Amino acid sequence: MSAIAPSPAAGASENDSCVQFSGLSQPVAQDVAGNELSSTNASQLVIIFSTFSNPCNFDQQVVIVTEARSQDGATVLFERVPVIAGAFNSSEIGLLWSPENAGTYELRSFALFNSDESQVLTDVQTRELLVVDYDLVDV
């Protein structure tokens, strides 16, 4: 899936230009203390962060989609967060999630033009998170 160039947000000048809404990081899982996780315990609270950047000289309203898929391909988390990406600015969003079952999960994030359209604006970014039963993770 490849990214496409956006159009200026409402109120932007016809002369405003943009290469494209380019930056969306791989999702990063952290614990509540801010430590990055490659594995966690089932039922532990995880914060999934994505960083996005807007290289355009105008603000853009976009929707950041965060998803977690189980190893059998089932979507267990799907959140759409509307944001205003400021001109020449970077921001970060975080979503809370408590995986219920052990397994390998694929964390996914991508951006849409806005909540009314389904045009994908960025490539899908992915990262794996291993979730184990509580007694299997070193603390």
N, C-alpha and C. Protein backbone atom coordinates (compact mmCIF):
# COMPACT_ATOMS: atom_id res chain seq x y z
N MET A 1 0.85 -1.14 0.00
CA MET A 1 0.00 0.00 0.00
C MET A 1 0.90 1.22 0.00
N SER A 2 0.79 2.12 -0.96
CA SER A 2 1.65 3.29 -0.96
C SER A 2 0.87 4.53 -0.62
N ALA A 3 1.60 5.50 -0.08
CA ALA A 3 1.00 6.75 0.37
C ALA A 3 0.70 7.64 -0.82
N ILE A 4 -0.28 8.52 -0.65
CA ILE A 4 -0.64 9.48 -1.68
C ILE A 4 -0.58 10.88 -1.11
N ALA A 5 -0.42 11.87 -1.97
CA ALA A 5 -0.28 13.25 -1.52
C ALA A 5 -1.63 13.82 -1.11
N PRO A 6 -1.69 14.54 0.02
CA PRO A 6 -2.94 15.11 0.51
C PRO A 6 -3.23 16.46 -0.14
N SER A 7 -4.44 16.93 0.05
CA SER A 7 -4.79 18.27 -0.37
C SER A 7 -4.80 19.17 0.86
N PRO A 8 -4.65 20.50 0.68
CA PRO A 8 -4.64 21.40 1.83
C PRO A 8 -5.92 21.31 2.64
N ALA A 9 -5.79 21.54 3.92
CA ALA A 9 -6.95 21.55 4.82
C ALA A 9 -7.81 22.77 4.54
N ALA A 10 -9.02 22.75 5.05
CA ALA A 10 -9.93 23.89 4.89
C ALA A 10 -9.26 25.16 5.38
N GLY A 11 -9.35 26.22 4.60
CA GLY A 11 -8.76 27.50 4.98
C GLY A 11 -7.35 27.69 4.46
N ALA A 12 -6.74 26.65 3.88
CA ALA A 12 -5.39 26.78 3.36
C ALA A 12 -5.44 27.48 2.01
N SER A 13 -4.40 28.20 1.71
CA SER A 13 -4.31 28.95 0.45
C SER A 13 -4.08 28.00 -0.72
N GLU A 14 -4.51 28.43 -1.90
CA GLU A 14 -4.27 27.66 -3.12
C GLU A 14 -2.77 27.51 -3.38
N ASN A 15 -1.95 28.46 -2.86
CA ASN A 15 -0.52 28.43 -3.09
C ASN A 15 0.21 27.54 -2.10
N ASP A 16 -0.48 27.04 -1.09
CA ASP A 16 0.15 26.14 -0.14
C ASP A 16 0.53 24.86 -0.87
N SER A 17 1.70 24.33 -0.56
CA SER A 17 2.12 23.10 -1.23
C SER A 17 2.65 22.12 -0.21
N CYS A 18 2.73 20.88 -0.65
CA CYS A 18 3.16 19.84 0.26
C CYS A 18 3.71 18.68 -0.54
N VAL A 19 4.80 18.11 -0.06
CA VAL A 19 5.31 16.90 -0.70
C VAL A 19 4.34 15.76 -0.42
N GLN A 20 4.08 15.49 0.83
CA GLN A 20 3.05 14.56 1.29
C GLN A 20 3.13 14.45 2.79
N PHE A 21 2.04 14.02 3.40
CA PHE A 21 2.04 13.72 4.83
C PHE A 21 2.92 12.48 4.96
N SER A 22 4.12 12.65 5.46
CA SER A 22 5.10 11.59 5.30
C SER A 22 5.36 10.75 6.53
N GLY A 23 5.30 11.36 7.67
CA GLY A 23 5.89 10.65 8.79
C GLY A 23 4.90 9.97 9.70
N LEU A 24 4.99 8.68 9.76
CA LEU A 24 4.28 7.92 10.78
C LEU A 24 5.23 6.81 11.19
N SER A 25 5.57 6.79 12.47
CA SER A 25 6.54 5.82 12.97
C SER A 25 5.91 4.45 13.14
N GLN A 26 6.77 3.46 13.30
CA GLN A 26 6.29 2.16 13.74
C GLN A 26 5.65 2.34 15.10
N PRO A 27 4.60 1.62 15.40
CA PRO A 27 4.03 1.69 16.75
C PRO A 27 5.04 1.16 17.76
N VAL A 28 5.06 1.79 18.92
CA VAL A 28 5.97 1.38 19.99
C VAL A 28 5.13 1.07 21.22
N ALA A 29 5.36 -0.11 21.80
CA ALA A 29 4.66 -0.50 23.03
C ALA A 29 5.52 -0.12 24.23
N GLN A 30 4.89 0.51 25.23
CA GLN A 30 5.58 0.87 26.46
C GLN A 30 4.72 0.46 27.64
N ASP A 31 5.40 0.25 28.78
CA ASP A 31 4.65 0.04 30.02
C ASP A 31 4.32 1.41 30.62
N VAL A 32 3.59 1.43 31.71
CA VAL A 32 3.17 2.70 32.30
C VAL A 32 4.33 3.52 32.86
N ALA A 33 5.50 2.89 33.06
CA ALA A 33 6.69 3.61 33.53
C ALA A 33 7.48 4.21 32.36
N GLY A 34 7.03 3.94 31.12
CA GLY A 34 7.70 4.50 29.95
C GLY A 34 8.78 3.62 29.35
N ASN A 35 8.89 2.38 29.82
CA ASN A 35 9.89 1.45 29.27
C ASN A 35 9.35 0.80 28.00
N GLU A 36 10.18 0.79 26.95
CA GLU A 36 9.78 0.16 25.71
C GLU A 36 9.72 -1.35 25.91
N LEU A 37 8.69 -1.97 25.32
CA LEU A 37 8.45 -3.40 25.50
C LEU A 37 8.59 -4.14 24.18
N SER A 38 9.24 -5.30 24.23
CA SER A 38 9.18 -6.25 23.12
C SER A 38 8.31 -7.44 23.52
N SER A 39 8.11 -7.56 24.85
CA SER A 39 7.20 -8.58 25.37
C SER A 39 6.53 -8.03 26.62
N THR A 40 5.40 -8.60 26.94
CA THR A 40 4.64 -8.17 28.11
C THR A 40 3.81 -9.33 28.62
N ASN A 41 3.15 -9.12 29.73
CA ASN A 41 2.27 -10.13 30.31
C ASN A 41 0.84 -9.92 29.83
N ALA A 42 0.10 -11.02 29.72
CA ALA A 42 -1.33 -10.91 29.44
C ALA A 42 -1.97 -10.10 30.57
N SER A 43 -2.90 -9.25 30.22
CA SER A 43 -3.64 -8.37 31.14
C SER A 43 -2.84 -7.18 31.66
N GLN A 44 -1.57 -7.05 31.30
CA GLN A 44 -0.80 -5.86 31.70
C GLN A 44 -1.19 -4.69 30.81
N LEU A 45 -1.29 -3.51 31.40
CA LEU A 45 -1.60 -2.30 30.64
C LEU A 45 -0.41 -1.91 29.79
N VAL A 46 -0.66 -1.72 28.50
CA VAL A 46 0.36 -1.34 27.52
C VAL A 46 -0.10 -0.04 26.89
N ILE A 47 0.86 0.85 26.62
CA ILE A 47 0.57 2.08 25.88
C ILE A 47 1.22 1.93 24.51
N ILE A 48 0.42 2.05 23.46
CA ILE A 48 0.93 1.96 22.09
C ILE A 48 1.07 3.37 21.56
N PHE A 49 2.31 3.78 21.29
CA PHE A 49 2.60 5.12 20.80
C PHE A 49 2.89 5.09 19.31
N SER A 50 2.43 6.13 18.61
CA SER A 50 2.81 6.39 17.23
C SER A 50 3.17 7.86 17.13
N THR A 51 4.24 8.15 16.42
CA THR A 51 4.66 9.52 16.18
C THR A 51 4.35 9.85 14.73
N PHE A 52 3.78 11.02 14.49
CA PHE A 52 3.48 11.44 13.13
C PHE A 52 4.04 12.83 12.89
N SER A 53 4.39 13.11 11.65
CA SER A 53 4.92 14.43 11.31
C SER A 53 4.29 14.92 10.02
N ASN A 54 4.19 16.23 9.93
CA ASN A 54 3.59 16.90 8.78
C ASN A 54 4.62 17.83 8.17
N PRO A 55 5.19 17.48 7.01
CA PRO A 55 6.19 18.33 6.37
C PRO A 55 5.57 19.47 5.55
N CYS A 56 4.25 19.56 5.55
CA CYS A 56 3.55 20.57 4.74
C CYS A 56 3.53 21.92 5.44
N ASN A 57 3.31 22.97 4.66
CA ASN A 57 3.24 24.32 5.23
C ASN A 57 1.81 24.70 5.58
N PHE A 58 0.97 23.72 5.82
CA PHE A 58 -0.39 23.94 6.28
C PHE A 58 -0.78 22.81 7.22
N ASP A 59 -1.70 23.08 8.13
CA ASP A 59 -2.23 22.05 9.03
C ASP A 59 -3.05 21.05 8.23
N GLN A 60 -3.05 19.80 8.68
CA GLN A 60 -3.85 18.78 8.03
C GLN A 60 -4.64 18.01 9.07
N GLN A 61 -5.91 17.78 8.78
CA GLN A 61 -6.71 16.91 9.63
C GLN A 61 -6.59 15.51 9.08
N VAL A 62 -6.10 14.60 9.93
CA VAL A 62 -5.93 13.21 9.53
C VAL A 62 -6.47 12.33 10.64
N VAL A 63 -6.58 11.06 10.34
CA VAL A 63 -6.99 10.07 11.34
C VAL A 63 -5.87 9.05 11.45
N ILE A 64 -5.37 8.87 12.67
CA ILE A 64 -4.35 7.85 12.91
C ILE A 64 -5.07 6.58 13.37
N VAL A 65 -4.83 5.51 12.66
CA VAL A 65 -5.45 4.22 12.98
C VAL A 65 -4.40 3.35 13.66
N THR A 66 -4.76 2.78 14.80
CA THR A 66 -3.90 1.84 15.51
C THR A 66 -4.66 0.54 15.66
N GLU A 67 -3.97 -0.54 15.36
CA GLU A 67 -4.60 -1.86 15.36
C GLU A 67 -3.65 -2.87 15.99
N ALA A 68 -4.20 -3.86 16.66
CA ALA A 68 -3.43 -5.01 17.14
C ALA A 68 -4.10 -6.25 16.59
N ARG A 69 -3.30 -7.11 15.97
CA ARG A 69 -3.81 -8.37 15.42
C ARG A 69 -3.15 -9.54 16.11
N SER A 70 -3.96 -10.52 16.45
CA SER A 70 -3.42 -11.73 17.08
C SER A 70 -2.70 -12.57 16.04
N GLN A 71 -2.00 -13.60 16.51
CA GLN A 71 -1.22 -14.43 15.60
C GLN A 71 -2.09 -15.19 14.61
N ASP A 72 -3.39 -15.33 14.89
CA ASP A 72 -4.28 -15.98 13.93
C ASP A 72 -4.97 -14.97 13.01
N GLY A 73 -4.55 -13.68 13.09
CA GLY A 73 -5.06 -12.66 12.19
C GLY A 73 -6.29 -11.92 12.67
N ALA A 74 -6.78 -12.24 13.86
CA ALA A 74 -7.97 -11.56 14.39
C ALA A 74 -7.59 -10.18 14.92
N THR A 75 -8.38 -9.18 14.57
CA THR A 75 -8.16 -7.84 15.10
C THR A 75 -8.73 -7.77 16.51
N VAL A 76 -7.87 -7.46 17.49
CA VAL A 76 -8.30 -7.39 18.88
C VAL A 76 -8.33 -5.97 19.41
N LEU A 77 -7.76 -5.04 18.64
CA LEU A 77 -7.81 -3.61 18.97
C LEU A 77 -7.86 -2.86 17.66
N PHE A 78 -8.80 -1.91 17.55
CA PHE A 78 -8.89 -1.07 16.36
C PHE A 78 -9.39 0.29 16.80
N GLU A 79 -8.53 1.28 16.76
CA GLU A 79 -8.88 2.63 17.21
C GLU A 79 -8.55 3.63 16.12
N ARG A 80 -9.48 4.55 15.89
CA ARG A 80 -9.29 5.66 14.95
C ARG A 80 -9.26 6.95 15.78
N VAL A 81 -8.15 7.69 15.68
CA VAL A 81 -7.99 8.92 16.46
C VAL A 81 -7.82 10.09 15.51
N PRO A 82 -8.80 10.99 15.44
CA PRO A 82 -8.65 12.18 14.58
C PRO A 82 -7.67 13.15 15.23
N VAL A 83 -6.75 13.67 14.42
CA VAL A 83 -5.77 14.64 14.91
C VAL A 83 -5.61 15.76 13.89
N ILE A 84 -5.15 16.89 14.36
CA ILE A 84 -4.75 17.96 13.45
C ILE A 84 -3.24 17.99 13.49
N ALA A 85 -2.64 17.65 12.36
CA ALA A 85 -1.19 17.65 12.24
C ALA A 85 -0.76 19.06 11.86
N GLY A 86 -0.09 19.74 12.79
CA GLY A 86 0.34 21.11 12.56
C GLY A 86 1.39 21.20 11.47
N ALA A 87 1.39 22.33 10.77
CA ALA A 87 2.36 22.57 9.71
C ALA A 87 3.78 22.43 10.26
N PHE A 88 4.61 21.70 9.53
CA PHE A 88 6.02 21.50 9.89
C PHE A 88 6.18 21.05 11.34
N ASN A 89 5.33 20.13 11.79
CA ASN A 89 5.32 19.76 13.19
C ASN A 89 5.25 18.24 13.34
N SER A 90 5.71 17.75 14.48
CA SER A 90 5.60 16.34 14.84
C SER A 90 4.84 16.22 16.15
N SER A 91 4.07 15.17 16.28
CA SER A 91 3.31 14.91 17.51
C SER A 91 3.27 13.41 17.75
N GLU A 92 2.80 13.05 18.92
CA GLU A 92 2.73 11.65 19.31
C GLU A 92 1.36 11.38 19.90
N ILE A 93 0.82 10.20 19.60
CA ILE A 93 -0.42 9.77 20.25
C ILE A 93 -0.14 8.46 20.95
N GLY A 94 -0.89 8.19 22.01
CA GLY A 94 -0.76 6.94 22.73
C GLY A 94 -2.13 6.37 23.06
N LEU A 95 -2.26 5.08 22.91
CA LEU A 95 -3.51 4.38 23.22
C LEU A 95 -3.25 3.31 24.26
N LEU A 96 -4.18 3.16 25.19
CA LEU A 96 -4.07 2.14 26.22
C LEU A 96 -4.68 0.83 25.73
N TRP A 97 -4.00 -0.28 26.06
CA TRP A 97 -4.49 -1.60 25.67
C TRP A 97 -4.00 -2.62 26.68
N SER A 98 -4.85 -3.55 27.03
CA SER A 98 -4.48 -4.68 27.90
C SER A 98 -4.75 -5.96 27.13
N PRO A 99 -3.70 -6.58 26.58
CA PRO A 99 -3.93 -7.84 25.86
C PRO A 99 -4.47 -8.91 26.80
N GLU A 100 -5.48 -9.61 26.35
CA GLU A 100 -6.14 -10.60 27.21
C GLU A 100 -5.47 -11.96 27.17
N ASN A 101 -4.88 -12.31 26.03
CA ASN A 101 -4.35 -13.66 25.86
C ASN A 101 -2.90 -13.63 25.44
N ALA A 102 -2.18 -14.70 25.81
CA ALA A 102 -0.80 -14.85 25.38
C ALA A 102 -0.76 -15.09 23.88
N GLY A 103 0.35 -14.70 23.25
CA GLY A 103 0.54 -14.91 21.82
C GLY A 103 1.39 -13.81 21.24
N THR A 104 1.63 -13.89 19.95
CA THR A 104 2.37 -12.85 19.23
C THR A 104 1.36 -11.95 18.54
N TYR A 105 1.48 -10.66 18.79
CA TYR A 105 0.57 -9.68 18.21
C TYR A 105 1.32 -8.78 17.25
N GLU A 106 0.66 -8.41 16.17
CA GLU A 106 1.21 -7.43 15.25
C GLU A 106 0.53 -6.09 15.56
N LEU A 107 1.34 -5.12 15.99
CA LEU A 107 0.84 -3.76 16.18
C LEU A 107 0.97 -3.03 14.86
N ARG A 108 -0.09 -2.35 14.44
CA ARG A 108 -0.12 -1.68 13.14
C ARG A 108 -0.60 -0.24 13.31
N SER A 109 -0.04 0.66 12.53
CA SER A 109 -0.55 2.03 12.51
C SER A 109 -0.44 2.58 11.09
N PHE A 110 -1.41 3.42 10.74
CA PHE A 110 -1.41 4.12 9.46
C PHE A 110 -2.31 5.33 9.58
N ALA A 111 -2.22 6.22 8.61
CA ALA A 111 -3.01 7.45 8.63
C ALA A 111 -3.98 7.47 7.46
N LEU A 112 -5.17 8.00 7.73
CA LEU A 112 -6.20 8.22 6.71
C LEU A 112 -6.35 9.72 6.51
N PHE A 113 -6.89 10.14 5.34
CA PHE A 113 -7.13 11.56 5.10
C PHE A 113 -7.96 12.19 6.20
N ASN A 114 -9.11 11.62 6.48
CA ASN A 114 -9.97 12.11 7.56
C ASN A 114 -10.97 11.01 7.89
N SER A 115 -11.81 11.26 8.87
CA SER A 115 -12.71 10.20 9.33
C SER A 115 -13.82 9.87 8.33
N ASP A 116 -14.05 10.73 7.35
CA ASP A 116 -15.11 10.49 6.38
C ASP A 116 -14.63 9.72 5.15
N GLU A 117 -13.31 9.62 4.98
CA GLU A 117 -12.76 8.96 3.80
C GLU A 117 -11.91 7.78 4.24
N SER A 118 -11.77 6.82 3.36
CA SER A 118 -10.95 5.66 3.70
C SER A 118 -9.66 5.62 2.90
N GLN A 119 -9.26 6.75 2.29
CA GLN A 119 -8.01 6.78 1.54
C GLN A 119 -6.83 6.75 2.50
N VAL A 120 -5.97 5.77 2.32
CA VAL A 120 -4.80 5.62 3.18
C VAL A 120 -3.75 6.64 2.76
N LEU A 121 -3.24 7.36 3.74
CA LEU A 121 -2.30 8.45 3.50
C LEU A 121 -0.86 8.03 3.70
N THR A 122 -0.62 7.00 4.49
CA THR A 122 0.74 6.54 4.75
C THR A 122 0.82 5.03 4.56
N ASP A 123 2.02 4.54 4.45
CA ASP A 123 2.23 3.10 4.46
C ASP A 123 1.88 2.57 5.85
N VAL A 124 1.47 1.32 5.92
CA VAL A 124 1.17 0.69 7.20
C VAL A 124 2.50 0.38 7.90
N GLN A 125 2.61 0.84 9.14
CA GLN A 125 3.80 0.60 9.95
C GLN A 125 3.48 -0.52 10.94
N THR A 126 4.39 -1.46 11.11
CA THR A 126 4.11 -2.60 11.98
C THR A 126 5.26 -2.89 12.95
N ARG A 127 4.92 -3.57 14.01
CA ARG A 127 5.89 -4.05 14.99
C ARG A 127 5.24 -5.20 15.75
N GLU A 128 6.05 -6.21 16.11
CA GLU A 128 5.52 -7.34 16.87
C GLU A 128 5.64 -7.11 18.36
N LEU A 129 4.68 -7.65 19.09
CA LEU A 129 4.71 -7.64 20.55
C LEU A 129 4.36 -9.05 21.02
N LEU A 130 5.24 -9.63 21.82
CA LEU A 130 5.01 -10.95 22.39
C LEU A 130 4.30 -10.78 23.73
N VAL A 131 3.17 -11.47 23.88
CA VAL A 131 2.41 -11.44 25.13
C VAL A 131 2.45 -12.85 25.71
N VAL A 132 2.90 -12.93 26.96
CA VAL A 132 3.06 -14.24 27.61
C VAL A 132 2.22 -14.27 28.88
N ASP A 133 2.03 -15.49 29.40
CA ASP A 133 1.39 -15.62 30.69
C ASP A 133 2.28 -14.97 31.74
N TYR A 134 1.71 -14.42 32.77
CA TYR A 134 2.43 -13.62 33.76
C TYR A 134 3.68 -14.29 34.31
N ASP A 135 3.64 -15.56 34.63
CA ASP A 135 4.76 -16.23 35.28
C ASP A 135 5.93 -16.51 34.35
N LEU A 136 5.81 -16.18 33.06
CA LEU A 136 6.90 -16.47 32.12
C LEU A 136 7.81 -15.28 31.84
N VAL A 137 7.45 -14.08 32.28
CA VAL A 137 8.24 -12.88 32.00
C VAL A 137 9.08 -12.54 33.21
N ASP A 138 10.38 -12.29 32.98
CA ASP A 138 11.26 -11.86 34.07
C ASP A 138 10.87 -10.46 34.51
N VAL A 139 10.81 -10.23 35.81
CA VAL A 139 10.52 -8.91 36.34
C VAL A 139 11.68 -8.39 37.14
